[in-house]
Protein backbone atom coordinates (compact mmCIF):
# COMPACT_ATOMS: atom_id res chain seq x y z
CA MET A 1 0.00 0.00 0.00
CA GLU A 2 1.45 3.34 -1.00
CA ARG A 3 0.91 6.78 0.56
CA ILE A 4 -2.65 8.08 0.11
CA GLU A 5 -3.20 11.82 0.69
CA ILE A 6 -6.64 13.19 1.39
CA HIS A 7 -7.08 16.88 0.55
CA PRO A 8 -9.99 19.14 1.53
CA PRO A 9 -12.59 19.60 -1.23
CA THR A 10 -12.00 22.51 -3.60
CA TRP A 11 -15.52 23.85 -3.13
CA LYS A 12 -14.87 24.38 0.59
CA ILE A 13 -11.76 26.44 -0.16
CA VAL A 14 -13.64 28.50 -2.77
CA LEU A 15 -16.50 29.04 -0.30
CA MET A 16 -14.00 30.13 2.37
CA ILE A 17 -12.37 32.63 0.00
CA ALA A 18 -15.77 34.03 -1.07
CA GLY A 19 -16.81 34.46 2.56
CA MET A 20 -13.55 36.20 3.44
CA ILE A 21 -13.90 38.60 0.52
CA ALA A 22 -17.53 39.36 1.43
CA PHE A 23 -16.66 40.19 5.04
CA VAL A 24 -13.64 42.32 4.04
CA VAL A 25 -15.81 44.28 1.57
CA ALA A 26 -18.47 44.70 4.27
CA GLY A 27 -15.78 46.01 6.62
CA ILE A 28 -14.61 48.51 4.00
CA PHE A 29 -18.18 49.74 3.53
CA MET A 30 -18.57 50.07 7.30
CA ILE A 31 -15.44 52.22 7.46
CA ILE A 32 -16.45 54.43 4.53
CA TYR A 33 -20.17 54.79 5.23
CA GLY A 34 -20.29 54.14 8.97
CA GLY A 35 -21.69 57.02 10.96
CA SER A 36 -20.28 56.33 14.40
CA VAL A 37 -16.84 55.42 15.63
CA TYR A 38 -18.28 52.10 16.83
CA GLU A 39 -19.30 51.10 13.28
CA LYS A 40 -15.91 52.09 11.90
CA ALA A 41 -14.13 50.10 14.62
CA ILE A 42 -16.22 47.02 13.80
CA GLY A 43 -15.26 47.49 10.13
CA VAL A 44 -11.55 47.61 11.00
CA ILE A 45 -11.88 44.53 13.21
CA GLY A 46 -13.67 42.69 10.38
CA ILE A 47 -10.94 43.57 7.88
CA VAL A 48 -8.15 42.54 10.24
CA PHE A 49 -9.84 39.30 11.27
CA PHE A 50 -11.14 38.07 7.93
CA GLY A 51 -8.40 39.61 5.78
CA GLY A 52 -5.40 38.93 7.98
CA PHE A 53 -6.27 35.69 9.72
CA GLY A 54 -8.14 34.39 6.67
CA GLY A 55 -5.10 35.07 4.52
CA TYR A 56 -2.94 33.17 7.00
CA ALA A 57 -5.39 30.24 6.93
CA LEU A 58 -5.14 30.11 3.13
CA TYR A 59 -1.35 30.31 3.35
CA SER A 60 -1.31 27.40 5.84
CA ARG A 61 -3.53 25.29 3.57
CA SER A 62 -1.23 25.95 0.62
CA ARG A 63 1.71 24.62 2.68
CA GLY A 64 0.01 21.30 3.39
CA GLN A 65 -1.89 22.00 6.60
CA GLY A 66 -5.30 20.40 6.87
CA LYS A 67 -4.36 17.32 4.86
CA LEU A 68 -4.42 13.70 5.92
CA ALA A 69 -2.00 11.02 4.66
CA ILE A 70 -2.58 7.30 5.13
CA LEU A 71 0.58 5.17 5.18
CA PRO A 72 1.18 1.46 5.71
CA THR A 73 2.80 2.31 9.06
CA GLY A 74 0.23 4.81 10.30
CA VAL A 75 -1.51 8.11 9.64
CA GLU A 76 0.05 11.55 9.16
CA ILE A 77 -2.03 14.58 10.08
CA GLY A 78 -1.13 18.05 8.80
CA ILE A 79 -1.53 20.45 11.75
CA PRO A 80 -0.21 24.01 12.03
CA GLY A 81 3.55 24.03 12.29
CA ARG A 82 4.38 20.46 11.28
CA TRP A 83 3.15 17.05 10.22
CA ARG A 84 2.29 14.69 13.06
CA ARG A 85 2.36 10.91 12.76
CA VAL A 86 0.09 8.48 14.56
CA ALA A 87 1.75 5.08 14.25
CA LEU A 88 -0.44 2.01 14.13
CA ASP A 89 0.96 -0.79 16.24
CA ALA A 90 -0.67 -4.07 17.19
CA THR A 91 -0.33 -3.33 20.90
CA GLU A 92 -0.53 0.47 21.30
CA TYR A 93 -0.97 3.77 19.52
CA VAL A 94 2.13 5.98 19.36
CA PHE A 95 1.79 9.71 18.73
CA GLY A 96 4.97 11.56 17.85
CA ASP A 97 6.61 14.22 15.78
CA ILE A 98 7.88 13.18 12.34
CA ARG A 99 11.03 15.22 12.87
CA ASP A 100 11.93 12.90 15.76
CA LYS A 101 12.24 9.91 13.42
């Protein structure tokens, strides 16, 4: 059995990008057309959150985060920062960092 990688569906990524763009545009409109300081602050928070953190989430996905790989020796899970391996053993489950191997 060779390595099998499972990627998130493309439609979920497209939906995430569309949602991020919609909320950033809404934040821009709140800054431009907002009457009070409160509305403008909410617009800035929306832009920072959905633009900044959403951009980082897309960057992480492009680097392999959020993927799952099935191997003959176990399962690798792409989590932020590194790949983690869950080894399948007949007697116990071993959870460790791939860089340790």
